[in-house]
Structure formats: C-alpha cells, structure tokens
N, C-alpha and C. Protein backbone atom coordinates (compact mmCIF):
# COMPACT_ATOMS: atom_id res chain seq x y z
N UNK A 1 295.16 124.82 269.84
CA UNK A 1 295.18 124.79 271.29
C UNK A 1 296.10 125.90 271.79
N UNK A 2 295.51 126.89 272.46
CA UNK A 2 296.30 128.00 272.98
C UNK A 2 296.33 127.94 274.50
N UNK A 3 297.52 127.98 275.06
CA UNK A 3 297.72 127.94 276.51
C UNK A 3 298.22 129.29 276.99
N UNK A 4 297.59 129.78 278.04
CA UNK A 4 297.99 131.03 278.68
C UNK A 4 298.60 130.67 280.03
N UNK A 5 299.85 131.09 280.23
CA UNK A 5 300.57 130.80 281.47
C UNK A 5 300.70 132.08 282.27
N UNK A 6 300.09 132.10 283.44
CA UNK A 6 300.10 133.27 284.31
C UNK A 6 301.17 133.07 285.38
N UNK A 7 302.23 133.87 285.29
CA UNK A 7 303.32 133.80 286.26
C UNK A 7 303.00 134.73 287.43
N UNK A 8 302.79 134.15 288.60
CA UNK A 8 302.37 134.93 289.76
C UNK A 8 303.46 135.24 290.76
N UNK A 9 304.68 134.90 290.44
CA UNK A 9 305.77 135.19 291.38
C UNK A 9 306.32 136.59 291.16
N UNK A 10 306.70 137.27 292.23
CA UNK A 10 307.37 138.55 292.06
C UNK A 10 308.82 138.38 291.58
N UNK A 11 309.33 137.15 291.68
CA UNK A 11 310.72 136.86 291.30
C UNK A 11 310.80 136.35 289.87
N UNK A 12 311.58 137.02 289.03
CA UNK A 12 311.82 136.51 287.68
C UNK A 12 312.76 135.31 287.78
N UNK A 13 312.45 134.30 286.98
CA UNK A 13 313.28 133.09 286.89
C UNK A 13 313.44 132.36 288.22
N UNK A 14 312.43 132.48 289.07
CA UNK A 14 312.43 131.77 290.34
C UNK A 14 312.00 130.32 290.16
N UNK A 15 311.78 129.65 291.27
CA UNK A 15 311.46 128.22 291.24
C UNK A 15 310.13 127.93 290.55
N UNK A 16 309.11 128.72 290.81
CA UNK A 16 307.82 128.45 290.17
C UNK A 16 307.90 128.71 288.66
N UNK A 17 308.66 129.71 288.26
CA UNK A 17 308.81 129.97 286.83
C UNK A 17 309.62 128.87 286.15
N UNK A 18 310.62 128.34 286.83
CA UNK A 18 311.39 127.21 286.29
C UNK A 18 310.47 126.03 286.03
N UNK A 19 309.58 125.76 286.97
CA UNK A 19 308.60 124.69 286.81
C UNK A 19 307.70 124.97 285.60
N UNK A 20 307.22 126.20 285.49
CA UNK A 20 306.35 126.58 284.38
C UNK A 20 307.06 126.46 283.04
N UNK A 21 308.32 126.83 283.00
CA UNK A 21 309.08 126.75 281.73
C UNK A 21 309.25 125.31 281.28
N UNK A 22 309.34 124.37 282.23
CA UNK A 22 309.41 122.96 281.85
C UNK A 22 308.09 122.49 281.25
N UNK A 23 306.99 122.90 281.86
CA UNK A 23 305.68 122.57 281.29
C UNK A 23 305.57 123.18 279.89
N UNK A 24 306.00 124.43 279.75
CA UNK A 24 305.94 125.11 278.45
C UNK A 24 306.76 124.37 277.40
N UNK A 25 307.91 123.84 277.79
CA UNK A 25 308.74 123.08 276.84
C UNK A 25 307.99 121.87 276.30
N UNK A 26 307.23 121.22 277.17
CA UNK A 26 306.42 120.09 276.73
C UNK A 26 305.31 120.52 275.78
N UNK A 27 304.69 121.65 276.08
CA UNK A 27 303.62 122.17 275.21
C UNK A 27 304.18 122.51 273.83
N UNK A 28 305.35 123.14 273.82
CA UNK A 28 305.95 123.59 272.56
C UNK A 28 306.37 122.45 271.65
N UNK A 29 306.44 121.23 272.17
CA UNK A 29 306.77 120.08 271.33
C UNK A 29 305.64 119.72 270.37
N UNK A 30 304.46 120.25 270.62
CA UNK A 30 303.32 120.04 269.73
C UNK A 30 303.23 121.25 268.80
N UNK A 31 303.41 121.01 267.51
CA UNK A 31 303.46 122.12 266.55
C UNK A 31 302.13 122.85 266.41
N UNK A 32 301.04 122.22 266.83
CA UNK A 32 299.73 122.87 266.75
C UNK A 32 299.43 123.74 267.97
N UNK A 33 300.26 123.65 268.98
CA UNK A 33 300.02 124.37 270.23
C UNK A 33 300.71 125.73 270.21
N UNK A 34 300.04 126.70 270.80
CA UNK A 34 300.63 128.02 271.01
C UNK A 34 300.54 128.33 272.49
N UNK A 35 301.44 129.20 272.94
CA UNK A 35 301.38 129.59 274.34
C UNK A 35 301.86 131.01 274.51
N UNK A 36 301.44 131.58 275.63
CA UNK A 36 301.81 132.95 275.96
C UNK A 36 302.03 133.03 277.47
N UNK A 37 303.09 133.73 277.85
CA UNK A 37 303.37 133.98 279.26
C UNK A 37 302.90 135.39 279.62
N UNK A 38 302.29 135.52 280.78
CA UNK A 38 301.94 136.81 281.35
C UNK A 38 302.58 136.88 282.73
N UNK A 39 303.42 137.88 282.96
CA UNK A 39 304.06 138.06 284.27
C UNK A 39 303.27 139.13 285.03
N UNK A 40 302.51 138.71 286.02
CA UNK A 40 301.64 139.62 286.75
C UNK A 40 302.39 140.77 287.41
N UNK A 41 303.59 140.51 287.88
CA UNK A 41 304.33 141.55 288.60
C UNK A 41 304.75 142.71 287.70
N UNK A 42 304.72 142.50 286.39
CA UNK A 42 305.06 143.57 285.44
C UNK A 42 303.86 144.45 285.09
N UNK A 43 302.69 144.08 285.58
CA UNK A 43 301.45 144.78 285.22
C UNK A 43 300.94 145.63 286.38
N UNK A 44 300.12 146.59 286.04
CA UNK A 44 299.45 147.41 287.05
C UNK A 44 298.02 146.89 287.19
N UNK A 45 297.81 146.07 288.20
CA UNK A 45 296.49 145.49 288.46
C UNK A 45 296.06 145.90 289.86
N UNK A 46 295.01 146.67 289.92
CA UNK A 46 294.47 147.10 291.22
C UNK A 46 293.65 145.97 291.83
N UNK A 47 293.58 145.92 293.15
CA UNK A 47 292.75 144.89 293.77
C UNK A 47 291.26 145.18 293.58
N UNK A 48 290.46 144.13 293.64
CA UNK A 48 289.01 144.28 293.60
C UNK A 48 288.59 145.19 294.75
N UNK A 49 287.68 146.09 294.47
CA UNK A 49 287.21 147.04 295.48
C UNK A 49 285.90 146.59 296.13
N UNK A 50 285.37 145.45 295.72
CA UNK A 50 284.13 144.97 296.30
C UNK A 50 282.97 145.92 296.11
N UNK A 51 283.01 146.69 295.04
CA UNK A 51 282.02 147.75 294.81
C UNK A 51 280.70 147.22 294.28
N UNK A 52 280.71 146.00 293.74
CA UNK A 52 279.49 145.44 293.18
C UNK A 52 279.15 145.94 291.79
N UNK A 53 280.04 146.73 291.20
CA UNK A 53 279.79 147.26 289.86
C UNK A 53 279.59 146.18 288.82
N UNK A 54 280.25 145.04 289.00
CA UNK A 54 280.14 143.96 288.02
C UNK A 54 278.88 143.12 288.21
N UNK A 55 278.18 143.30 289.31
CA UNK A 55 277.00 142.47 289.58
C UNK A 55 275.92 142.60 288.50
N UNK A 56 275.76 143.78 287.96
CA UNK A 56 274.72 144.00 286.95
C UNK A 56 275.25 143.87 285.52
N UNK A 57 276.51 144.25 285.30
CA UNK A 57 277.04 144.30 283.94
C UNK A 57 277.97 143.13 283.61
N UNK A 58 278.41 142.38 284.61
CA UNK A 58 279.39 141.30 284.44
C UNK A 58 280.72 141.82 283.92
N UNK A 59 280.96 143.11 284.08
CA UNK A 59 282.19 143.75 283.64
C UNK A 59 282.77 144.54 284.80
N UNK A 60 284.07 144.40 285.01
CA UNK A 60 284.73 145.15 286.07
C UNK A 60 284.80 146.63 285.70
N UNK A 61 284.55 147.48 286.68
CA UNK A 61 284.55 148.92 286.43
C UNK A 61 285.96 149.52 286.51
N UNK A 62 286.93 148.75 287.00
CA UNK A 62 288.30 149.25 287.10
C UNK A 62 288.98 149.11 285.74
N UNK A 63 289.58 150.18 285.25
CA UNK A 63 290.26 150.16 283.96
C UNK A 63 291.77 150.21 284.21
N UNK A 64 292.40 149.05 284.12
CA UNK A 64 293.85 148.96 284.30
C UNK A 64 294.35 147.80 283.43
N UNK A 65 295.53 147.28 283.71
CA UNK A 65 296.09 146.22 282.87
C UNK A 65 295.28 144.93 282.90
N UNK A 66 294.44 144.77 283.89
CA UNK A 66 293.60 143.57 283.97
C UNK A 66 292.59 143.52 282.83
N UNK A 67 292.19 144.67 282.34
CA UNK A 67 291.17 144.73 281.28
C UNK A 67 291.55 143.86 280.09
N UNK A 68 292.79 143.93 279.65
CA UNK A 68 293.24 143.11 278.52
C UNK A 68 293.34 141.63 278.88
N UNK A 69 293.58 141.34 280.15
CA UNK A 69 293.72 139.94 280.56
C UNK A 69 292.40 139.18 280.53
N UNK A 70 291.29 139.87 280.75
CA UNK A 70 290.00 139.18 280.66
C UNK A 70 289.84 138.51 279.30
N UNK A 71 290.14 139.26 278.24
CA UNK A 71 290.00 138.71 276.89
C UNK A 71 290.99 137.58 276.64
N UNK A 72 292.22 137.74 277.12
CA UNK A 72 293.22 136.69 276.93
C UNK A 72 292.78 135.39 277.61
N UNK A 73 292.25 135.51 278.83
CA UNK A 73 291.78 134.33 279.55
C UNK A 73 290.57 133.73 278.84
N UNK A 74 289.65 134.57 278.40
CA UNK A 74 288.47 134.06 277.67
C UNK A 74 288.87 133.32 276.40
N UNK A 75 289.94 133.76 275.74
CA UNK A 75 290.34 133.19 274.46
C UNK A 75 291.25 131.97 274.57
N UNK A 76 291.79 131.70 275.74
CA UNK A 76 292.70 130.56 275.85
C UNK A 76 291.91 129.25 275.97
N UNK A 77 292.58 128.17 275.58
CA UNK A 77 292.00 126.84 275.72
C UNK A 77 292.43 126.18 277.02
N UNK A 78 293.57 126.61 277.52
CA UNK A 78 294.10 126.07 278.77
C UNK A 78 294.76 127.21 279.53
N UNK A 79 294.39 127.36 280.79
CA UNK A 79 294.97 128.39 281.65
C UNK A 79 295.85 127.70 282.68
N UNK A 80 297.10 128.16 282.78
CA UNK A 80 298.01 127.63 283.80
C UNK A 80 298.33 128.76 284.77
N UNK A 81 297.98 128.55 286.02
CA UNK A 81 298.24 129.51 287.08
C UNK A 81 299.47 129.04 287.85
N UNK A 82 300.48 129.92 287.93
CA UNK A 82 301.77 129.56 288.51
C UNK A 82 302.07 130.48 289.68
N UNK A 83 302.44 129.89 290.83
CA UNK A 83 302.70 130.74 292.00
C UNK A 83 303.62 130.04 292.99
N UNK A 84 304.42 130.83 293.70
CA UNK A 84 305.03 130.30 294.91
C UNK A 84 303.98 130.32 296.02
N UNK A 85 304.21 129.55 297.05
CA UNK A 85 303.33 129.56 298.22
C UNK A 85 303.96 130.47 299.27
N UNK A 86 303.18 131.44 299.71
CA UNK A 86 303.59 132.33 300.80
C UNK A 86 302.56 132.20 301.91
N UNK A 87 303.00 131.81 303.10
CA UNK A 87 302.10 131.67 304.25
C UNK A 87 300.88 130.79 303.90
N UNK A 88 301.17 129.66 303.25
CA UNK A 88 300.15 128.66 302.89
C UNK A 88 299.12 129.18 301.89
N UNK A 89 299.48 130.16 301.10
CA UNK A 89 298.55 130.74 300.13
C UNK A 89 299.29 131.12 298.85
N UNK A 90 298.52 131.44 297.82
CA UNK A 90 299.09 131.95 296.58
C UNK A 90 299.70 133.32 296.82
N UNK A 91 300.57 133.75 295.93
CA UNK A 91 301.20 135.07 296.04
C UNK A 91 300.15 136.18 295.97
N UNK A 92 300.51 137.34 296.47
CA UNK A 92 299.61 138.51 296.41
C UNK A 92 299.28 138.85 294.96
N UNK A 93 300.24 138.70 294.07
CA UNK A 93 300.00 138.99 292.65
C UNK A 93 298.91 138.07 292.10
N UNK A 94 299.00 136.78 292.42
CA UNK A 94 297.98 135.83 291.96
C UNK A 94 296.63 136.13 292.58
N UNK A 95 296.62 136.40 293.86
CA UNK A 95 295.35 136.63 294.54
C UNK A 95 294.66 137.88 294.01
N UNK A 96 295.42 138.92 293.72
CA UNK A 96 294.83 140.14 293.14
C UNK A 96 294.22 139.83 291.78
N UNK A 97 294.96 139.09 290.96
CA UNK A 97 294.47 138.65 289.64
C UNK A 97 293.18 137.85 289.79
N UNK A 98 293.17 136.89 290.68
CA UNK A 98 292.00 136.03 290.89
C UNK A 98 290.80 136.84 291.38
N UNK A 99 291.02 137.70 292.35
CA UNK A 99 289.91 138.47 292.90
C UNK A 99 289.22 139.34 291.85
N UNK A 100 289.97 139.79 290.88
CA UNK A 100 289.38 140.61 289.82
C UNK A 100 288.47 139.80 288.90
N UNK A 101 288.50 138.49 289.01
CA UNK A 101 287.57 137.66 288.23
C UNK A 101 286.21 137.55 288.90
N UNK A 102 285.97 138.37 289.90
CA UNK A 102 284.62 138.48 290.45
C UNK A 102 283.64 138.84 289.32
N UNK A 103 284.12 139.61 288.35
CA UNK A 103 283.28 139.97 287.20
C UNK A 103 282.87 138.73 286.40
N UNK A 104 283.76 137.75 286.28
CA UNK A 104 283.41 136.52 285.57
C UNK A 104 282.49 135.64 286.42
N UNK A 105 282.69 135.66 287.73
CA UNK A 105 281.79 134.95 288.63
C UNK A 105 280.39 135.53 288.48
N UNK A 106 280.29 136.86 288.46
CA UNK A 106 278.99 137.53 288.31
C UNK A 106 278.36 137.18 286.96
N UNK A 107 279.19 137.11 285.92
CA UNK A 107 278.67 136.75 284.59
C UNK A 107 278.02 135.36 284.64
N UNK A 108 278.68 134.43 285.31
CA UNK A 108 278.19 133.06 285.35
C UNK A 108 277.03 132.89 286.33
N UNK A 109 277.19 133.39 287.54
CA UNK A 109 276.22 133.07 288.59
C UNK A 109 275.12 134.11 288.79
N UNK A 110 275.36 135.36 288.45
CA UNK A 110 274.31 136.37 288.60
C UNK A 110 273.57 136.61 287.29
N UNK A 111 274.33 136.62 286.17
CA UNK A 111 273.70 136.86 284.87
C UNK A 111 273.32 135.56 284.15
N UNK A 112 273.83 134.43 284.64
CA UNK A 112 273.50 133.14 284.03
C UNK A 112 274.13 132.92 282.68
N UNK A 113 275.22 133.61 282.41
CA UNK A 113 275.90 133.48 281.11
C UNK A 113 277.06 132.51 281.26
N UNK A 114 276.98 131.41 280.55
CA UNK A 114 278.07 130.44 280.54
C UNK A 114 278.94 130.76 279.34
N UNK A 115 280.24 130.57 279.46
CA UNK A 115 281.17 130.96 278.40
C UNK A 115 282.04 129.77 278.02
N UNK A 116 281.88 129.28 276.83
CA UNK A 116 282.69 128.19 276.29
C UNK A 116 282.69 126.97 277.22
N UNK A 117 281.63 126.79 278.01
CA UNK A 117 281.61 125.71 278.99
C UNK A 117 281.53 124.32 278.36
N UNK A 118 281.14 124.24 277.12
CA UNK A 118 281.02 122.95 276.46
C UNK A 118 282.27 122.59 275.65
N UNK A 119 283.33 123.36 275.80
CA UNK A 119 284.54 123.15 275.00
C UNK A 119 285.64 122.39 275.75
N UNK A 120 285.38 121.96 276.95
CA UNK A 120 286.36 121.18 277.73
C UNK A 120 287.66 121.93 277.96
N UNK A 121 287.55 123.25 278.15
CA UNK A 121 288.73 124.05 278.50
C UNK A 121 289.17 123.66 279.91
N UNK A 122 290.47 123.81 280.19
CA UNK A 122 290.97 123.39 281.49
C UNK A 122 291.84 124.45 282.14
N UNK A 123 291.96 124.32 283.45
CA UNK A 123 292.87 125.12 284.25
C UNK A 123 293.81 124.21 285.01
N UNK A 124 295.05 124.62 285.10
CA UNK A 124 296.08 123.86 285.80
C UNK A 124 296.76 124.76 286.81
N UNK A 125 297.09 124.21 287.96
CA UNK A 125 297.81 124.94 289.00
C UNK A 125 299.21 124.37 289.13
N UNK A 126 300.21 125.25 289.07
CA UNK A 126 301.61 124.89 289.33
C UNK A 126 302.08 125.73 290.50
N UNK A 127 302.48 125.08 291.60
CA UNK A 127 302.94 125.85 292.76
C UNK A 127 304.18 125.22 293.36
N UNK A 128 305.00 126.08 293.94
CA UNK A 128 306.20 125.65 294.64
C UNK A 128 306.17 126.21 296.05
N UNK A 129 306.70 125.43 296.99
CA UNK A 129 306.72 125.85 298.39
C UNK A 129 308.07 125.56 299.00
N UNK A 130 308.49 126.41 299.89
CA UNK A 130 309.77 126.24 300.56
C UNK A 130 309.74 125.11 301.57
N UNK A 131 308.62 124.94 302.24
CA UNK A 131 308.55 123.97 303.34
C UNK A 131 307.84 122.69 302.91
N UNK A 132 307.74 121.76 303.86
CA UNK A 132 307.20 120.43 303.59
C UNK A 132 305.84 120.20 304.23
N UNK A 133 305.18 121.23 304.73
CA UNK A 133 303.92 121.07 305.47
C UNK A 133 302.88 120.23 304.75
N UNK A 134 302.17 119.39 305.51
CA UNK A 134 301.18 118.48 304.93
C UNK A 134 300.05 119.23 304.23
N UNK A 135 299.65 120.36 304.77
CA UNK A 135 298.50 121.09 304.22
C UNK A 135 298.93 122.36 303.49
N UNK A 136 300.18 122.43 303.11
CA UNK A 136 300.72 123.68 302.55
C UNK A 136 300.02 124.11 301.26
N UNK A 137 299.45 123.16 300.53
CA UNK A 137 298.82 123.50 299.25
C UNK A 137 297.30 123.60 299.32
N UNK A 138 296.71 123.31 300.46
CA UNK A 138 295.25 123.26 300.57
C UNK A 138 294.58 124.56 300.15
N UNK A 139 295.07 125.68 300.66
CA UNK A 139 294.46 126.97 300.34
C UNK A 139 294.60 127.31 298.86
N UNK A 140 295.77 127.06 298.30
CA UNK A 140 296.01 127.35 296.88
C UNK A 140 295.11 126.50 295.98
N UNK A 141 294.97 125.23 296.33
CA UNK A 141 294.12 124.34 295.53
C UNK A 141 292.66 124.79 295.55
N UNK A 142 292.17 125.14 296.72
CA UNK A 142 290.77 125.58 296.83
C UNK A 142 290.54 126.88 296.06
N UNK A 143 291.48 127.81 296.19
CA UNK A 143 291.36 129.08 295.47
C UNK A 143 291.39 128.87 293.96
N UNK A 144 292.31 128.04 293.49
CA UNK A 144 292.41 127.78 292.04
C UNK A 144 291.15 127.09 291.52
N UNK A 145 290.66 126.11 292.26
CA UNK A 145 289.43 125.41 291.82
C UNK A 145 288.26 126.38 291.71
N UNK A 146 288.17 127.30 292.66
CA UNK A 146 287.09 128.28 292.64
C UNK A 146 287.22 129.21 291.44
N UNK A 147 288.45 129.65 291.15
CA UNK A 147 288.69 130.47 289.96
C UNK A 147 288.29 129.70 288.70
N UNK A 148 288.78 128.48 288.57
CA UNK A 148 288.50 127.70 287.37
C UNK A 148 287.00 127.50 287.19
N UNK A 149 286.28 127.28 288.27
CA UNK A 149 284.83 127.14 288.19
C UNK A 149 284.19 128.42 287.66
N UNK A 150 284.60 129.56 288.18
CA UNK A 150 284.02 130.84 287.73
C UNK A 150 284.28 131.08 286.24
N UNK A 151 285.39 130.54 285.74
CA UNK A 151 285.77 130.73 284.34
C UNK A 151 285.28 129.60 283.43
N UNK A 152 284.48 128.70 283.97
CA UNK A 152 284.00 127.54 283.22
C UNK A 152 285.16 126.71 282.67
N UNK A 153 286.18 126.53 283.49
CA UNK A 153 287.31 125.68 283.15
C UNK A 153 287.24 124.40 283.98
N UNK A 154 287.48 123.28 283.36
CA UNK A 154 287.59 122.04 284.12
C UNK A 154 288.88 122.08 284.91
N UNK A 155 288.87 121.46 286.07
CA UNK A 155 290.05 121.42 286.92
C UNK A 155 291.01 120.37 286.36
N UNK A 156 292.11 120.82 285.78
CA UNK A 156 293.09 119.91 285.20
C UNK A 156 294.09 119.43 286.25
N UNK A 157 295.06 118.70 285.79
CA UNK A 157 296.11 118.16 286.66
C UNK A 157 296.93 119.30 287.26
N UNK A 158 297.26 119.17 288.54
CA UNK A 158 298.10 120.17 289.21
C UNK A 158 299.47 119.58 289.47
N UNK A 159 300.45 120.44 289.61
CA UNK A 159 301.80 120.02 289.98
C UNK A 159 302.20 120.85 291.19
N UNK A 160 302.38 120.19 292.33
CA UNK A 160 302.63 120.84 293.61
C UNK A 160 303.99 120.37 294.11
N UNK A 161 304.91 121.31 294.32
CA UNK A 161 306.29 120.95 294.65
C UNK A 161 306.67 121.54 296.00
N UNK A 162 307.08 120.67 296.92
CA UNK A 162 307.54 121.07 298.25
C UNK A 162 309.07 121.16 298.28
N UNK A 163 309.58 121.89 299.26
CA UNK A 163 311.01 121.88 299.56
C UNK A 163 311.90 122.59 298.56
N UNK A 164 311.39 123.63 297.92
CA UNK A 164 312.22 124.43 297.01
C UNK A 164 312.23 125.87 297.50
N UNK A 165 313.20 126.18 298.32
CA UNK A 165 313.27 127.49 298.96
C UNK A 165 314.28 128.41 298.28
N UNK A 166 315.51 127.98 298.20
CA UNK A 166 316.56 128.83 297.65
C UNK A 166 316.42 128.98 296.14
N UNK A 167 316.85 130.12 295.64
CA UNK A 167 316.85 130.35 294.20
C UNK A 167 317.64 129.23 293.51
N UNK A 168 317.06 128.66 292.48
CA UNK A 168 317.72 127.58 291.74
C UNK A 168 317.42 126.19 292.27
N UNK A 169 316.72 126.09 293.39
CA UNK A 169 316.43 124.77 293.97
C UNK A 169 315.61 123.89 293.03
N UNK A 170 314.73 124.51 292.26
CA UNK A 170 313.87 123.74 291.35
C UNK A 170 314.70 123.04 290.28
N UNK A 171 315.79 123.65 289.86
CA UNK A 171 316.62 123.06 288.80
C UNK A 171 317.24 121.74 289.23
N UNK A 172 317.35 121.53 290.54
CA UNK A 172 317.91 120.28 291.06
C UNK A 172 316.87 119.17 291.14
N UNK A 173 315.61 119.50 290.96
CA UNK A 173 314.52 118.51 291.06
C UNK A 173 314.25 117.92 289.67
N UNK A 174 315.21 117.16 289.16
CA UNK A 174 315.13 116.68 287.78
C UNK A 174 313.92 115.77 287.53
N UNK A 175 313.55 114.95 288.51
CA UNK A 175 312.38 114.09 288.33
C UNK A 175 311.11 114.92 288.18
N UNK A 176 311.00 115.96 288.98
CA UNK A 176 309.81 116.82 288.91
C UNK A 176 309.79 117.60 287.60
N UNK A 177 310.95 118.07 287.16
CA UNK A 177 311.01 118.78 285.88
C UNK A 177 310.63 117.86 284.73
N UNK A 178 310.99 116.58 284.84
CA UNK A 178 310.57 115.60 283.82
C UNK A 178 309.05 115.42 283.86
N UNK A 179 308.47 115.39 285.07
CA UNK A 179 307.00 115.31 285.20
C UNK A 179 306.35 116.55 284.58
N UNK A 180 306.98 117.71 284.79
CA UNK A 180 306.45 118.96 284.24
C UNK A 180 306.47 118.93 282.71
N UNK A 181 307.55 118.45 282.14
CA UNK A 181 307.66 118.32 280.69
C UNK A 181 306.56 117.39 280.15
N UNK A 182 306.36 116.27 280.84
CA UNK A 182 305.31 115.32 280.44
C UNK A 182 303.92 115.95 280.58
N UNK A 183 303.72 116.72 281.63
CA UNK A 183 302.43 117.41 281.80
C UNK A 183 302.20 118.38 280.64
N UNK A 184 303.22 119.09 280.23
CA UNK A 184 303.10 119.99 279.09
C UNK A 184 302.69 119.26 277.83
N UNK A 185 303.27 118.10 277.61
CA UNK A 185 302.89 117.29 276.43
C UNK A 185 301.42 116.88 276.51
N UNK A 186 300.99 116.48 277.71
CA UNK A 186 299.58 116.08 277.89
C UNK A 186 298.65 117.26 277.64
N UNK A 187 299.02 118.41 278.14
CA UNK A 187 298.19 119.61 277.94
C UNK A 187 298.06 119.90 276.45
N UNK A 188 299.18 119.87 275.74
CA UNK A 188 299.17 120.18 274.30
C UNK A 188 298.36 119.16 273.50
N UNK A 189 298.30 117.93 273.99
CA UNK A 189 297.54 116.90 273.28
C UNK A 189 296.07 116.89 273.69
N UNK A 190 295.72 117.69 274.70
CA UNK A 190 294.34 117.75 275.17
C UNK A 190 293.97 116.62 276.10
N UNK A 191 294.96 115.93 276.68
CA UNK A 191 294.69 114.77 277.54
C UNK A 191 295.01 114.99 279.01
N UNK A 192 295.21 116.24 279.42
CA UNK A 192 295.57 116.46 280.83
C UNK A 192 294.36 116.42 281.72
C-alpha cells in the first residue's frame, strides 16, 4: 500500500502540513505501508492552458514538473490532498495541480480508458481553515471529489479543520491530531 501525500500549502510546516504529518505517522505504523510527500510549492508547474491538446491523446502537452507527478499519482494506492483554505477554496498550488489533471479526465471520459478503477484506490482531503464559516469547505470538497472521480479514486474520509489561523495553531488541536493519527492507521490498513 503506497500513499502519496500532496502538500498544497506555500508554507512549510504550516497547519495543514502538521495535520498531514499526523496522518503520515499513523500510516507509518503499518510496516507494509509506504508513503511519499510532494511539496507543490517546490515544483515548477504551469497552469492548464485549456488548449485541448489532451483531448485526443489523454496526455498533457506541457512538459514541466507535473509530468513526473502523473506517474506518481497513477502508481499510488491512496492519494492525500492537503491544503489550507484561502477565500473558501483550495490553495493556488493545489488548484494548478488539479487543473492539470484535465488530461486524466480526458483519458477517462473522452477516450473511455479506465485506470485501476477496480482496485478500490482512494483519495482523501485534508484541509485547514482560519475561520469558522459554515460553508468554508464546500468548494474544496467539491473540487477534490471531482479530481478523485477523474482519477478513478473512491472518495475516502476527509479531515476538515476550522479555526487554525496562526502558525502552530494546529499543534494545539490535540484531539484532531489524534483523529489524524487514527485516520492514517485506517488508510494503511485499507479501511478508510
């Protein structure tokens, strides 16, 4: 069981990454599980140009750091998307990453090619938000579900955390970090 954790925050060691590291600790307790972190802000990923190049080939025509990520995502058993919420949405880094999966959407819906869809692969969303708004996660959840669908991933359990604004605020949320650790264990056991 290989888990790929996509860190979408521009901030290293911020609240969303703290949450992700707790999930990772739970995953690492299973000796059969492997995981890899990808920090989007360290990569050069151009935004989708809407050129339609992938419509016929199911392959993005842009050659940048995203090219290697397609294979990593295809090869993982569980994808964890991690982001802070900015203006009721995922970070720009996450959205750029997601938009580039138009090529995988084209593979599935235009070319009719399903990929590992019978393997019960899953996607999980981990997000943190500074405010307490009732609908603060709605946009992120819809975007993540759409991505997971395009990638033939089942929608796994999400962890959505409100009220963590200042750096280090997540470390004070011990109950949530315990939930994150438990979620990691579930992911590693294939029961999330």
